[in-house]
């Protein structure tokens, strides 16, 4: 990678992908302003990054107008809570971040003459009409469905970003990020891999939402972040997909997790929730041709890393802590150590 950026602003900077993005930028010798409103984590629910000469943390809600003094040549907007558990809890926050938050981040990029990258999501497709979602697919969506706040916020954020590009106000790019995983994931976020890993490690029945034959894909967070930075380094506007084009069924994922953990868990299927996309497999041809993007981390290697993260959390879980809270305490400690390591 070129390492062309001197100073970047990352919104939603304490999220799973955001923190890894900050790490990769710092490794490229880019100064980073990490901004977070802590909607999903709460003010005491996360170990926020502090210190380090090239890393600045700001507790700032992107839904309020904000400025960053000094030079900025990259703004990456991770605009909304992406965890399944957060959709029903924060519909208004999701809408605000997708609309007002996106506008505020675009205004900053335009004011600074910075490259702007929107981390969008698969939800802009809805449930695709084809087996692999192309980057330009509109997809069918229900504006009044249970997921509508996140879905419509995603679509509006893309529309606003595209308008800034067409009007020549800012150099923008849209990345539609498909399923990403890796160490550092929240233990209570409700995502498919988190749920399966926690169940297998505890010896509980492994529940496959939508059934064993439901097709999905998994892209390691390092590959996802590399794709985002390849897009940032380019002049491509998108939208384009960032994810793994290798399809895998939920049944295959569950079997691999059970084998890697040595679990005795049974596998059970449960119905797919309303408006949940039945396919999460991207067509990444555009990213391959224009950016040279290809996922590199082998699935078993990435799963082993991720399972070790959750294994350490579950092993250190206090006996008095209710099980539904998961390994949150250990997760905070591990995250604090992880953040401290990459600040040095």
C-alpha atoms as a PDB file:
ATOM      1  CA  UNK A   1       0.000   0.000   0.000  1.00  0.00           C
ATOM      2  CA  UNK A   2       1.135   3.494  -0.710  1.00  0.00           C
ATOM      3  CA  UNK A   3       0.843   4.972   2.786  1.00  0.00           C
ATOM      4  CA  UNK A   4      -0.188   8.200   1.066  1.00  0.00           C
ATOM      5  CA  UNK A   5      -2.331   9.536   3.910  1.00  0.00           C
ATOM      6  CA  UNK A   6      -0.746  11.694   6.579  1.00  0.00           C
ATOM      7  CA  UNK A   7      -3.742  12.101   8.918  1.00  0.00           C
ATOM      8  CA  UNK A   8      -7.012  10.205   8.963  1.00  0.00           C
ATOM      9  CA  UNK A   9     -10.289  10.577  10.829  1.00  0.00           C
ATOM     10  CA  UNK A  10     -12.106   7.317  11.631  1.00  0.00           C
ATOM     11  CA  UNK A  11     -15.674   7.647  12.905  1.00  0.00           C
ATOM     12  CA  UNK A  12     -17.219   4.898  15.001  1.00  0.00           C
ATOM     13  CA  UNK A  13     -13.614   4.358  15.965  1.00  0.00           C
ATOM     14  CA  UNK A  14     -14.084   1.952  18.874  1.00  0.00           C
ATOM     15  CA  UNK A  15     -16.001  -0.669  16.883  1.00  0.00           C
ATOM     16  CA  UNK A  16     -14.633  -4.063  15.879  1.00  0.00           C
ATOM     17  CA  UNK A  17     -13.579  -3.128  12.338  1.00  0.00           C
ATOM     18  CA  UNK A  18     -12.844   0.490  13.228  1.00  0.00           C
ATOM     19  CA  UNK A  19     -10.205  -0.374  15.800  1.00  0.00           C
ATOM     20  CA  UNK A  20      -8.495  -2.726  13.366  1.00  0.00           C
ATOM     21  CA  UNK A  21      -8.622  -0.020  10.712  1.00  0.00           C
ATOM     22  CA  UNK A  22      -6.974   2.410  13.135  1.00  0.00           C
ATOM     23  CA  UNK A  23      -4.263  -0.178  13.773  1.00  0.00           C
ATOM     24  CA  UNK A  24      -3.558  -0.653  10.063  1.00  0.00           C
ATOM     25  CA  UNK A  25      -3.433   3.103   9.487  1.00  0.00           C
ATOM     26  CA  UNK A  26      -0.971   3.559  12.335  1.00  0.00           C
ATOM     27  CA  UNK A  27       1.188   0.803  10.871  1.00  0.00           C
ATOM     28  CA  UNK A  28       1.214   2.819   7.640  1.00  0.00           C
ATOM     29  CA  UNK A  29       2.548   5.790   9.672  1.00  0.00           C
ATOM     30  CA  UNK A  30      -0.725   7.674   9.311  1.00  0.00           C
ATOM     31  CA  UNK A  31      -1.779   9.834  12.258  1.00  0.00           C
ATOM     32  CA  UNK A  32      -5.276   8.832  13.384  1.00  0.00           C
ATOM     33  CA  UNK A  33      -8.118  10.757  14.998  1.00  0.00           C
ATOM     34  CA  UNK A  34     -10.446   8.084  16.392  1.00  0.00           C
ATOM     35  CA  UNK A  35     -13.970   9.418  16.961  1.00  0.00           C
ATOM     36  CA  UNK A  36     -16.730   7.569  18.797  1.00  0.00           C
ATOM     37  CA  UNK A  37     -20.064   8.345  20.397  1.00  0.00           C
ATOM     38  CA  UNK A  38     -20.173   5.010  22.280  1.00  0.00           C
ATOM     39  CA  UNK A  39     -23.869   4.442  21.527  1.00  0.00           C
ATOM     40  CA  UNK A  40     -23.684   0.666  21.643  1.00  0.00           C
ATOM     41  CA  UNK A  41     -20.877   0.347  24.175  1.00  0.00           C
ATOM     42  CA  UNK A  42     -21.883   2.989  26.720  1.00  0.00           C
ATOM     43  CA  UNK A  43     -19.325   5.257  28.417  1.00  0.00           C
ATOM     44  CA  UNK A  44     -17.978   2.451  30.637  1.00  0.00           C
ATOM     45  CA  UNK A  45     -18.549  -0.437  28.231  1.00  0.00           C
ATOM     46  CA  UNK A  46     -15.326  -0.212  26.256  1.00  0.00           C
ATOM     47  CA  UNK A  47     -11.639   0.399  26.802  1.00  0.00           C
ATOM     48  CA  UNK A  48     -11.130   3.451  24.590  1.00  0.00           C
ATOM     49  CA  UNK A  49      -7.735   4.135  23.016  1.00  0.00           C
ATOM     50  CA  UNK A  50      -5.644   6.722  24.822  1.00  0.00           C
ATOM     51  CA  UNK A  51      -2.141   8.019  24.442  1.00  0.00           C
ATOM     52  CA  UNK A  52       0.344   7.300  21.707  1.00  0.00           C
ATOM     53  CA  UNK A  53       1.889  10.167  19.778  1.00  0.00           C
ATOM     54  CA  UNK A  54       0.041   9.441  16.530  1.00  0.00           C
ATOM     55  CA  UNK A  55      -3.344   8.420  17.951  1.00  0.00           C
ATOM     56  CA  UNK A  56      -5.959  10.848  19.233  1.00  0.00           C
ATOM     57  CA  UNK A  57      -9.269   9.664  20.698  1.00  0.00           C
ATOM     58  CA  UNK A  58     -12.308  11.947  20.727  1.00  0.00           C
ATOM     59  CA  UNK A  59     -15.555  11.158  22.511  1.00  0.00           C
ATOM     60  CA  UNK A  60     -17.703  12.911  19.913  1.00  0.00           C
ATOM     61  CA  UNK A  61     -21.081  12.043  18.436  1.00  0.00           C
ATOM     62  CA  UNK A  62     -20.981  12.330  14.645  1.00  0.00           C
ATOM     63  CA  UNK A  63     -24.631  13.370  14.725  1.00  0.00           C
ATOM     64  CA  UNK A  64     -23.493  16.738  16.117  1.00  0.00           C
ATOM     65  CA  UNK A  65     -21.523  19.143  13.874  1.00  0.00           C
ATOM     66  CA  UNK A  66     -17.815  18.655  14.511  1.00  0.00           C
ATOM     67  CA  UNK A  67     -14.456  19.864  13.304  1.00  0.00           C
ATOM     68  CA  UNK A  68     -10.935  18.496  13.487  1.00  0.00           C
ATOM     69  CA  UNK A  69      -8.322  21.248  13.560  1.00  0.00           C
ATOM     70  CA  UNK A  70      -5.330  20.789  11.314  1.00  0.00           C
ATOM     71  CA  UNK A  71      -4.706  18.752   8.198  1.00  0.00           C
ATOM     72  CA  UNK A  72      -6.924  15.766   7.350  1.00  0.00           C
ATOM     73  CA  UNK A  73      -6.595  13.900   4.056  1.00  0.00           C
ATOM     74  CA  UNK A  74      -8.733  10.809   4.750  1.00  0.00           C
ATOM     75  CA  UNK A  75     -12.121  10.382   6.434  1.00  0.00           C
ATOM     76  CA  UNK A  76     -13.464   6.835   6.888  1.00  0.00           C
ATOM     77  CA  UNK A  77     -17.046   6.826   8.079  1.00  0.00           C
ATOM     78  CA  UNK A  78     -18.176   3.627   9.801  1.00  0.00           C
ATOM     79  CA  UNK A  79     -21.581   5.063  10.205  1.00  0.00           C
ATOM     80  CA  UNK A  80     -23.758   2.697  12.137  1.00  0.00           C
ATOM     81  CA  UNK A  81     -23.902  -0.135  14.661  1.00  0.00           C
ATOM     82  CA  UNK A  82     -23.437  -3.264  12.548  1.00  0.00           C
ATOM     83  CA  UNK A  83     -24.170  -5.938  15.145  1.00  0.00           C
ATOM     84  CA  UNK A  84     -27.457  -7.813  14.818  1.00  0.00           C
ATOM     85  CA  UNK A  85     -28.167  -7.318  18.508  1.00  0.00           C
ATOM     86  CA  UNK A  86     -28.113  -3.529  18.050  1.00  0.00           C
ATOM     87  CA  UNK A  87     -30.697  -3.232  15.257  1.00  0.00           C
ATOM     88  CA  UNK A  88     -33.801  -3.409  17.459  1.00  0.00           C
ATOM     89  CA  UNK A  89     -32.222  -1.438  20.308  1.00  0.00           C
ATOM     90  CA  UNK A  90     -30.995   1.637  18.449  1.00  0.00           C
ATOM     91  CA  UNK A  91     -33.249   2.355  15.430  1.00  0.00           C
ATOM     92  CA  UNK A  92     -33.233   6.140  15.904  1.00  0.00           C
ATOM     93  CA  UNK A  93     -29.470   6.229  16.442  1.00  0.00           C
ATOM     94  CA  UNK A  94     -28.963   4.177  13.270  1.00  0.00           C
ATOM     95  CA  UNK A  95     -31.097   6.591  11.268  1.00  0.00           C
ATOM     96  CA  UNK A  96     -29.321   9.625  12.704  1.00  0.00           C
ATOM     97  CA  UNK A  97     -25.859   8.209  12.047  1.00  0.00           C
ATOM     98  CA  UNK A  98     -26.767   7.254   8.495  1.00  0.00           C
ATOM     99  CA  UNK A  99     -28.252  10.651   7.693  1.00  0.00           C
ATOM    100  CA  UNK A 100     -26.949  13.494   9.878  1.00  0.00           C
ATOM    101  CA  UNK A 101     -23.772  11.635  10.819  1.00  0.00           C
ATOM    102  CA  UNK A 102     -22.902  10.902   7.199  1.00  0.00           C
ATOM    103  CA  UNK A 103     -23.544  14.520   6.226  1.00  0.00           C
ATOM    104  CA  UNK A 104     -21.302  15.817   9.037  1.00  0.00           C
ATOM    105  CA  UNK A 105     -18.502  13.459   8.041  1.00  0.00           C
ATOM    106  CA  UNK A 106     -18.864  14.471   4.381  1.00  0.00           C
ATOM    107  CA  UNK A 107     -18.805  18.157   5.338  1.00  0.00           C
ATOM    108  CA  UNK A 108     -15.517  17.596   7.166  1.00  0.00           C
ATOM    109  CA  UNK A 109     -14.022  15.757   4.181  1.00  0.00           C
ATOM    110  CA  UNK A 110     -15.144  18.494   1.789  1.00  0.00           C
ATOM    111  CA  UNK A 111     -13.801  21.251   4.039  1.00  0.00           C
ATOM    112  CA  UNK A 112     -10.410  19.519   4.322  1.00  0.00           C
ATOM    113  CA  UNK A 113     -10.185  18.328   0.726  1.00  0.00           C
ATOM    114  CA  UNK A 114      -9.925  14.782   2.095  1.00  0.00           C
ATOM    115  CA  UNK A 115     -10.734  11.459   0.499  1.00  0.00           C
ATOM    116  CA  UNK A 116     -13.993  10.098   1.966  1.00  0.00           C
ATOM    117  CA  UNK A 117     -14.755   6.381   2.310  1.00  0.00           C
ATOM    118  CA  UNK A 118     -18.177   5.200   3.434  1.00  0.00           C
ATOM    119  CA  UNK A 119     -18.272   1.757   5.015  1.00  0.00           C
ATOM    120  CA  UNK A 120     -21.689   0.675   3.831  1.00  0.00           C
ATOM    121  CA  UNK A 121     -23.298  -2.717   4.329  1.00  0.00           C
ATOM    122  CA  UNK A 122     -24.924  -5.655   2.617  1.00  0.00           C
ATOM    123  CA  UNK A 123     -28.312  -4.416   3.832  1.00  0.00           C
ATOM    124  CA  UNK A 124     -28.446  -1.929   0.995  1.00  0.00           C
ATOM    125  CA  UNK A 125     -29.116  -4.940  -1.265  1.00  0.00           C
ATOM    126  CA  UNK A 126     -31.895  -6.413   0.806  1.00  0.00           C
ATOM    127  CA  UNK A 127     -32.320 -10.091  -0.073  1.00  0.00           C
ATOM    128  CA  UNK A 128     -30.604 -10.312  -3.486  1.00  0.00           C
ATOM    129  CA  UNK A 129     -32.311 -11.688  -6.561  1.00  0.00           C
ATOM    130  CA  UNK A 130     -29.186 -13.647  -7.510  1.00  0.00           C
ATOM    131  CA  UNK A 131     -26.946 -16.022  -5.561  1.00  0.00           C
ATOM    132  CA  UNK A 132     -24.080 -13.530  -5.207  1.00  0.00           C
ATOM    133  CA  UNK A 133     -24.856  -9.846  -4.622  1.00  0.00           C
ATOM    134  CA  UNK A 134     -23.303  -7.596  -7.289  1.00  0.00           C
ATOM    135  CA  UNK A 135     -22.098  -4.196  -6.162  1.00  0.00           C
ATOM    136  CA  UNK A 136     -24.737  -2.331  -8.168  1.00  0.00           C
ATOM    137  CA  UNK A 137     -27.711  -4.461  -7.103  1.00  0.00           C
ATOM    138  CA  UNK A 138     -30.619  -2.421  -5.654  1.00  0.00           C
ATOM    139  CA  UNK A 139     -32.245  -5.486  -4.067  1.00  0.00           C
ATOM    140  CA  UNK A 140     -35.761  -5.734  -2.636  1.00  0.00           C
ATOM    141  CA  UNK A 141     -36.317  -3.965   0.692  1.00  0.00           C
ATOM    142  CA  UNK A 142     -39.256  -3.473   3.026  1.00  0.00           C
ATOM    143  CA  UNK A 143     -39.145   0.110   4.324  1.00  0.00           C
ATOM    144  CA  UNK A 144     -41.509  -0.795   7.163  1.00  0.00           C
ATOM    145  CA  UNK A 145     -39.849  -4.059   8.193  1.00  0.00           C
ATOM    146  CA  UNK A 146     -38.179  -4.802  11.544  1.00  0.00           C
ATOM    147  CA  UNK A 147     -34.722  -4.023  10.122  1.00  0.00           C
ATOM    148  CA  UNK A 148     -35.838  -0.929   8.253  1.00  0.00           C
ATOM    149  CA  UNK A 149     -33.992   1.669  10.360  1.00  0.00           C
ATOM    150  CA  UNK A 150     -30.597   0.148   9.618  1.00  0.00           C
ATOM    151  CA  UNK A 151     -31.477  -0.691   6.006  1.00  0.00           C
ATOM    152  CA  UNK A 152     -32.829   2.748   5.112  1.00  0.00           C
ATOM    153  CA  UNK A 153     -30.008   4.533   6.938  1.00  0.00           C
ATOM    154  CA  UNK A 154     -27.589   2.504   4.817  1.00  0.00           C
ATOM    155  CA  UNK A 155     -29.309   3.423   1.572  1.00  0.00           C
ATOM    156  CA  UNK A 156     -29.549   7.118   2.489  1.00  0.00           C
ATOM    157  CA  UNK A 157     -25.860   7.245   3.448  1.00  0.00           C
ATOM    158  CA  UNK A 158     -24.936   5.827   0.036  1.00  0.00           C
ATOM    159  CA  UNK A 159     -27.255   8.265  -1.760  1.00  0.00           C
ATOM    160  CA  UNK A 160     -25.783  11.259   0.071  1.00  0.00           C
ATOM    161  CA  UNK A 161     -22.209  10.105  -0.519  1.00  0.00           C
ATOM    162  CA  UNK A 162     -22.904   9.604  -4.236  1.00  0.00           C
ATOM    163  CA  UNK A 163     -24.448  13.084  -4.469  1.00  0.00           C
ATOM    164  CA  UNK A 164     -21.300  14.671  -3.012  1.00  0.00           C
ATOM    165  CA  UNK A 165     -19.246  12.802  -5.613  1.00  0.00           C
ATOM    166  CA  UNK A 166     -21.494  13.761  -8.546  1.00  0.00           C
ATOM    167  CA  UNK A 167     -21.551  17.411  -7.516  1.00  0.00           C
ATOM    168  CA  UNK A 168     -17.768  17.482  -7.211  1.00  0.00           C
ATOM    169  CA  UNK A 169     -17.934  18.517  -3.565  1.00  0.00           C
ATOM    170  CA  UNK A 170     -15.668  15.709  -2.317  1.00  0.00           C
ATOM    171  CA  UNK A 171     -13.781  12.668  -3.568  1.00  0.00           C
ATOM    172  CA  UNK A 172     -15.873   9.821  -2.199  1.00  0.00           C
ATOM    173  CA  UNK A 173     -15.982   6.040  -2.287  1.00  0.00           C
ATOM    174  CA  UNK A 174     -18.528   3.475  -1.110  1.00  0.00           C
ATOM    175  CA  UNK A 175     -17.559   0.035   0.159  1.00  0.00           C
ATOM    176  CA  UNK A 176     -20.289  -2.484   0.881  1.00  0.00           C
ATOM    177  CA  UNK A 177     -18.791  -4.597   3.636  1.00  0.00           C
ATOM    178  CA  UNK A 178     -19.926  -8.202   3.884  1.00  0.00           C
ATOM    179  CA  UNK A 179     -19.562 -10.569   6.862  1.00  0.00           C
ATOM    180  CA  UNK A 180     -16.280  -9.882   8.645  1.00  0.00           C
ATOM    181  CA  UNK A 181     -14.853 -11.721  11.626  1.00  0.00           C
ATOM    182  CA  UNK A 182     -11.758 -11.993  13.812  1.00  0.00           C
ATOM    183  CA  UNK A 183     -10.459 -11.458  17.318  1.00  0.00           C
ATOM    184  CA  UNK A 184     -11.884  -8.420  19.085  1.00  0.00           C
ATOM    185  CA  UNK A 185     -15.531  -9.070  18.246  1.00  0.00           C
ATOM    186  CA  UNK A 186     -18.060  -8.151  20.925  1.00  0.00           C
ATOM    187  CA  UNK A 187     -19.244 -11.248  22.791  1.00  0.00           C
ATOM    188  CA  UNK A 188     -22.856 -10.062  22.844  1.00  0.00           C
ATOM    189  CA  UNK A 189     -23.304  -8.617  19.371  1.00  0.00           C
ATOM    190  CA  UNK A 190     -25.618 -11.322  18.043  1.00  0.00           C
ATOM    191  CA  UNK A 191     -23.683 -11.983  14.836  1.00  0.00           C
ATOM    192  CA  UNK A 192     -23.793 -15.467  13.415  1.00  0.00           C
ATOM    193  CA  UNK A 193     -20.165 -16.398  14.060  1.00  0.00           C
ATOM    194  CA  UNK A 194     -20.159 -14.948  17.576  1.00  0.00           C
ATOM    195  CA  UNK A 195     -23.255 -16.946  18.477  1.00  0.00           C
ATOM    196  CA  UNK A 196     -21.961 -20.211  17.022  1.00  0.00           C
ATOM    197  CA  UNK A 197     -18.548 -19.824  18.665  1.00  0.00           C
ATOM    198  CA  UNK A 198     -19.987 -19.050  22.101  1.00  0.00           C
ATOM    199  CA  UNK A 199     -22.426 -21.954  21.926  1.00  0.00           C
ATOM    200  CA  UNK A 200     -19.800 -24.465  20.818  1.00  0.00           C
ATOM    201  CA  UNK A 201     -17.276 -23.361  23.439  1.00  0.00           C
ATOM    202  CA  UNK A 202     -19.894 -23.762  26.166  1.00  0.00           C
ATOM    203  CA  UNK A 203     -21.080 -27.127  24.836  1.00  0.00           C
ATOM    204  CA  UNK A 204     -24.559 -25.745  24.154  1.00  0.00           C
ATOM    205  CA  UNK A 205     -26.645 -26.639  21.081  1.00  0.00           C
ATOM    206  CA  UNK A 206     -25.377 -24.736  18.053  1.00  0.00           C
ATOM    207  CA  UNK A 207     -28.326 -22.924  16.439  1.00  0.00           C
ATOM    208  CA  UNK A 208     -28.304 -22.219  12.713  1.00  0.00           C
ATOM    209  CA  UNK A 209     -30.633 -19.324  11.898  1.00  0.00           C
ATOM    210  CA  UNK A 210     -32.167 -20.164   8.547  1.00  0.00           C
ATOM    211  CA  UNK A 211     -30.929 -23.747   8.501  1.00  0.00           C
ATOM    212  CA  UNK A 212     -27.759 -25.636   7.639  1.00  0.00           C
ATOM    213  CA  UNK A 213     -28.085 -24.992   3.882  1.00  0.00           C
ATOM    214  CA  UNK A 214     -28.235 -21.196   4.120  1.00  0.00           C
ATOM    215  CA  UNK A 215     -25.331 -19.746   2.117  1.00  0.00           C
ATOM    216  CA  UNK A 216     -23.083 -17.046   3.525  1.00  0.00           C
ATOM    217  CA  UNK A 217     -19.451 -15.930   3.370  1.00  0.00           C
ATOM    218  CA  UNK A 218     -16.790 -14.970   5.890  1.00  0.00           C
ATOM    219  CA  UNK A 219     -14.003 -12.441   5.358  1.00  0.00           C
ATOM    220  CA  UNK A 220     -11.298 -11.955   7.977  1.00  0.00           C
ATOM    221  CA  UNK A 221     -11.176  -8.417   9.371  1.00  0.00           C
ATOM    222  CA  UNK A 222      -7.593  -7.913   8.173  1.00  0.00           C
ATOM    223  CA  UNK A 223      -8.715  -8.631   4.612  1.00  0.00           C
ATOM    224  CA  UNK A 224     -11.729  -6.333   4.984  1.00  0.00           C
ATOM    225  CA  UNK A 225      -9.561  -3.484   6.250  1.00  0.00           C
ATOM    226  CA  UNK A 226      -7.027  -4.073   3.487  1.00  0.00           C
ATOM    227  CA  UNK A 227      -9.867  -3.771   0.977  1.00  0.00           C
ATOM    228  CA  UNK A 228     -11.055  -0.510   2.537  1.00  0.00           C
ATOM    229  CA  UNK A 229      -7.545   0.944   2.348  1.00  0.00           C
ATOM    230  CA  UNK A 230      -7.073  -0.219  -1.243  1.00  0.00           C
ATOM    231  CA  UNK A 231     -10.278   1.658  -2.065  1.00  0.00           C
ATOM    232  CA  UNK A 232      -9.126   4.717  -0.131  1.00  0.00           C
ATOM    233  CA  UNK A 233      -5.830   4.723  -2.039  1.00  0.00           C
ATOM    234  CA  UNK A 234      -7.629   4.576  -5.379  1.00  0.00           C
ATOM    235  CA  UNK A 235      -9.774   6.992  -7.368  1.00  0.00           C
ATOM    236  CA  UNK A 236     -12.643   4.488  -7.556  1.00  0.00           C
ATOM    237  CA  UNK A 237     -16.015   5.777  -6.360  1.00  0.00           C
ATOM    238  CA  UNK A 238     -17.927   2.504  -6.197  1.00  0.00           C
ATOM    239  CA  UNK A 239     -20.073   1.193  -4.792  1.00  0.00           C
ATOM    240  CA  UNK A 240     -18.092  -2.021  -4.666  1.00  0.00           C
ATOM    241  CA  UNK A 241     -18.205  -5.068  -2.457  1.00  0.00           C
ATOM    242  CA  UNK A 242     -15.543  -5.959   0.098  1.00  0.00           C
ATOM    243  CA  UNK A 243     -15.837  -9.514   1.369  1.00  0.00           C
ATOM    244  CA  UNK A 244     -15.108 -13.111   0.543  1.00  0.00           C
ATOM    245  CA  UNK A 245     -16.530 -14.510  -2.715  1.00  0.00           C
ATOM    246  CA  UNK A 246     -16.129 -18.043  -1.381  1.00  0.00           C
ATOM    247  CA  UNK A 247     -19.535 -19.304  -0.380  1.00  0.00           C
ATOM    248  CA  UNK A 248     -20.027 -21.547   2.620  1.00  0.00           C
ATOM    249  CA  UNK A 249     -23.131 -22.895   4.294  1.00  0.00           C
ATOM    250  CA  UNK A 250     -23.985 -22.373   7.933  1.00  0.00           C
ATOM    251  CA  UNK A 251     -23.781 -26.125   8.371  1.00  0.00           C
ATOM    252  CA  UNK A 252     -20.172 -26.128   7.136  1.00  0.00           C
ATOM    253  CA  UNK A 253     -19.246 -23.246   9.461  1.00  0.00           C
ATOM    254  CA  UNK A 254     -20.832 -24.985  12.440  1.00  0.00           C
ATOM    255  CA  UNK A 255     -19.018 -28.243  11.651  1.00  0.00           C
ATOM    256  CA  UNK A 256     -15.654 -26.468  11.411  1.00  0.00           C
ATOM    257  CA  UNK A 257     -16.212 -24.610  14.672  1.00  0.00           C
ATOM    258  CA  UNK A 258     -17.230 -27.812  16.477  1.00  0.00           C
ATOM    259  CA  UNK A 259     -14.159 -29.601  15.113  1.00  0.00           C
ATOM    260  CA  UNK A 260     -11.770 -26.777  16.035  1.00  0.00           C
ATOM    261  CA  UNK A 261     -13.173 -26.479  19.554  1.00  0.00           C
ATOM    262  CA  UNK A 262     -13.577 -30.220  20.163  1.00  0.00           C
ATOM    263  CA  UNK A 263     -17.122 -29.432  21.259  1.00  0.00           C
ATOM    264  CA  UNK A 264     -19.852 -32.015  21.770  1.00  0.00           C
ATOM    265  CA  UNK A 265     -22.562 -29.543  20.738  1.00  0.00           C
ATOM    266  CA  UNK A 266     -25.532 -30.665  18.689  1.00  0.00           C
ATOM    267  CA  UNK A 267     -26.572 -28.664  15.622  1.00  0.00           C
ATOM    268  CA  UNK A 268     -30.101 -27.287  15.459  1.00  0.00           C
ATOM    269  CA  UNK A 269     -31.888 -25.108  12.914  1.00  0.00           C
ATOM    270  CA  UNK A 270     -34.210 -22.209  13.694  1.00  0.00           C
ATOM    271  CA  UNK A 271     -36.297 -20.058  11.312  1.00  0.00           C
ATOM    272  CA  UNK A 272     -34.855 -16.986   9.643  1.00  0.00           C
ATOM    273  CA  UNK A 273     -36.164 -13.732  11.224  1.00  0.00           C
ATOM    274  CA  UNK A 274     -38.356 -11.430   9.102  1.00  0.00           C
ATOM    275  CA  UNK A 275     -36.480  -9.405   6.450  1.00  0.00           C
ATOM    276  CA  UNK A 276     -33.185 -11.153   7.212  1.00  0.00           C
ATOM    277  CA  UNK A 277     -31.280 -11.642   3.921  1.00  0.00           C
ATOM    278  CA  UNK A 278     -31.093 -15.337   3.020  1.00  0.00           C
ATOM    279  CA  UNK A 279     -27.823 -14.857   1.101  1.00  0.00           C
ATOM    280  CA  UNK A 280     -24.735 -12.933   2.225  1.00  0.00           C
ATOM    281  CA  UNK A 281     -22.263 -13.758  -0.491  1.00  0.00           C
ATOM    282  CA  UNK A 282     -20.726 -10.868  -2.448  1.00  0.00           C
ATOM    283  CA  UNK A 283     -19.652 -10.656  -6.047  1.00  0.00           C
ATOM    284  CA  UNK A 284     -16.258  -8.950  -5.671  1.00  0.00           C
ATOM    285  CA  UNK A 285     -15.312  -8.961  -9.366  1.00  0.00           C
ATOM    286  CA  UNK A 286     -15.228  -5.148  -9.504  1.00  0.00           C
ATOM    287  CA  UNK A 287     -12.868  -4.957  -6.505  1.00  0.00           C
ATOM    288  CA  UNK A 288     -10.686  -7.693  -7.975  1.00  0.00           C
ATOM    289  CA  UNK A 289     -10.370  -5.951 -11.349  1.00  0.00           C
ATOM    290  CA  UNK A 290      -9.926  -2.381 -10.117  1.00  0.00           C
ATOM    291  CA  UNK A 291      -8.128  -2.799  -6.797  1.00  0.00           C
ATOM    292  CA  UNK A 292      -6.519  -6.229  -7.050  1.00  0.00           C
ATOM    293  CA  UNK A 293      -8.461  -7.194  -3.930  1.00  0.00           C
ATOM    294  CA  UNK A 294      -8.397 -10.841  -2.863  1.00  0.00           C
ATOM    295  CA  UNK A 295      -9.008 -12.221   0.646  1.00  0.00           C
ATOM    296  CA  UNK A 296      -5.812 -13.830   1.942  1.00  0.00           C
ATOM    297  CA  UNK A 297      -6.489 -15.227   5.415  1.00  0.00           C
ATOM    298  CA  UNK A 298      -7.450 -18.943   5.226  1.00  0.00           C
ATOM    299  CA  UNK A 299     -10.774 -19.649   6.910  1.00  0.00           C
ATOM    300  CA  UNK A 300      -9.484 -22.264   9.361  1.00  0.00           C
ATOM    301  CA  UNK A 301      -6.633 -19.943  10.395  1.00  0.00           C
ATOM    302  CA  UNK A 302      -9.026 -17.047  10.951  1.00  0.00           C
ATOM    303  CA  UNK A 303     -11.497 -19.230  12.820  1.00  0.00           C
ATOM    304  CA  UNK A 304      -8.748 -20.547  15.106  1.00  0.00           C
ATOM    305  CA  UNK A 305      -7.730 -16.991  15.996  1.00  0.00           C
ATOM    306  CA  UNK A 306     -11.326 -15.934  16.623  1.00  0.00           C
ATOM    307  CA  UNK A 307     -12.177 -19.017  18.683  1.00  0.00           C
ATOM    308  CA  UNK A 308      -9.085 -18.462  20.824  1.00  0.00           C
ATOM    309  CA  UNK A 309     -10.329 -14.921  21.530  1.00  0.00           C
ATOM    310  CA  UNK A 310     -13.680 -16.209  22.766  1.00  0.00           C
ATOM    311  CA  UNK A 311     -12.134 -19.202  24.536  1.00  0.00           C
ATOM    312  CA  UNK A 312      -9.990 -16.897  26.674  1.00  0.00           C
ATOM    313  CA  UNK A 313     -13.007 -14.760  27.458  1.00  0.00           C
ATOM    314  CA  UNK A 314     -15.225 -17.661  28.482  1.00  0.00           C
ATOM    315  CA  UNK A 315     -12.467 -19.264  30.564  1.00  0.00           C
ATOM    316  CA  UNK A 316     -12.031 -16.048  32.554  1.00  0.00           C
ATOM    317  CA  UNK A 317     -15.738 -15.370  32.949  1.00  0.00           C
ATOM    318  CA  UNK A 318     -16.542 -14.809  36.646  1.00  0.00           C
ATOM    319  CA  UNK A 319     -18.706 -17.591  38.090  1.00  0.00           C
ATOM    320  CA  UNK A 320     -21.054 -15.049  39.665  1.00  0.00           C
ATOM    321  CA  UNK A 321     -21.653 -13.265  36.374  1.00  0.00           C
ATOM    322  CA  UNK A 322     -24.897 -14.264  34.627  1.00  0.00           C
ATOM    323  CA  UNK A 323     -24.112 -16.344  31.551  1.00  0.00           C
ATOM    324  CA  UNK A 324     -26.064 -14.089  29.182  1.00  0.00           C
ATOM    325  CA  UNK A 325     -23.554 -11.305  29.818  1.00  0.00           C
ATOM    326  CA  UNK A 326     -20.931 -13.517  28.229  1.00  0.00           C
ATOM    327  CA  UNK A 327     -17.176 -12.925  28.526  1.00  0.00           C
ATOM    328  CA  UNK A 328     -17.591  -9.158  28.589  1.00  0.00           C
ATOM    329  CA  UNK A 329     -15.266  -8.513  31.526  1.00  0.00           C
ATOM    330  CA  UNK A 330     -12.415 -10.476  29.984  1.00  0.00           C
ATOM    331  CA  UNK A 331     -13.143  -8.904  26.607  1.00  0.00           C
ATOM    332  CA  UNK A 332     -12.600  -5.453  28.095  1.00  0.00           C
ATOM    333  CA  UNK A 333      -9.321  -6.487  29.674  1.00  0.00           C
ATOM    334  CA  UNK A 334      -8.093  -8.145  26.482  1.00  0.00           C
ATOM    335  CA  UNK A 335      -9.170  -5.171  24.428  1.00  0.00           C
ATOM    336  CA  UNK A 336      -7.371  -2.753  26.750  1.00  0.00           C
ATOM    337  CA  UNK A 337      -4.175  -4.806  26.379  1.00  0.00           C
ATOM    338  CA  UNK A 338      -4.630  -5.019  22.623  1.00  0.00           C
ATOM    339  CA  UNK A 339      -5.156  -1.269  22.262  1.00  0.00           C
ATOM    340  CA  UNK A 340      -2.193  -0.518  24.507  1.00  0.00           C
ATOM    341  CA  UNK A 341      -0.001  -2.773  22.368  1.00  0.00           C
ATOM    342  CA  UNK A 342      -0.753  -1.017  19.082  1.00  0.00           C
ATOM    343  CA  UNK A 343      -0.510   2.461  20.621  1.00  0.00           C
ATOM    344  CA  UNK A 344       3.148   1.855  21.428  1.00  0.00           C
END
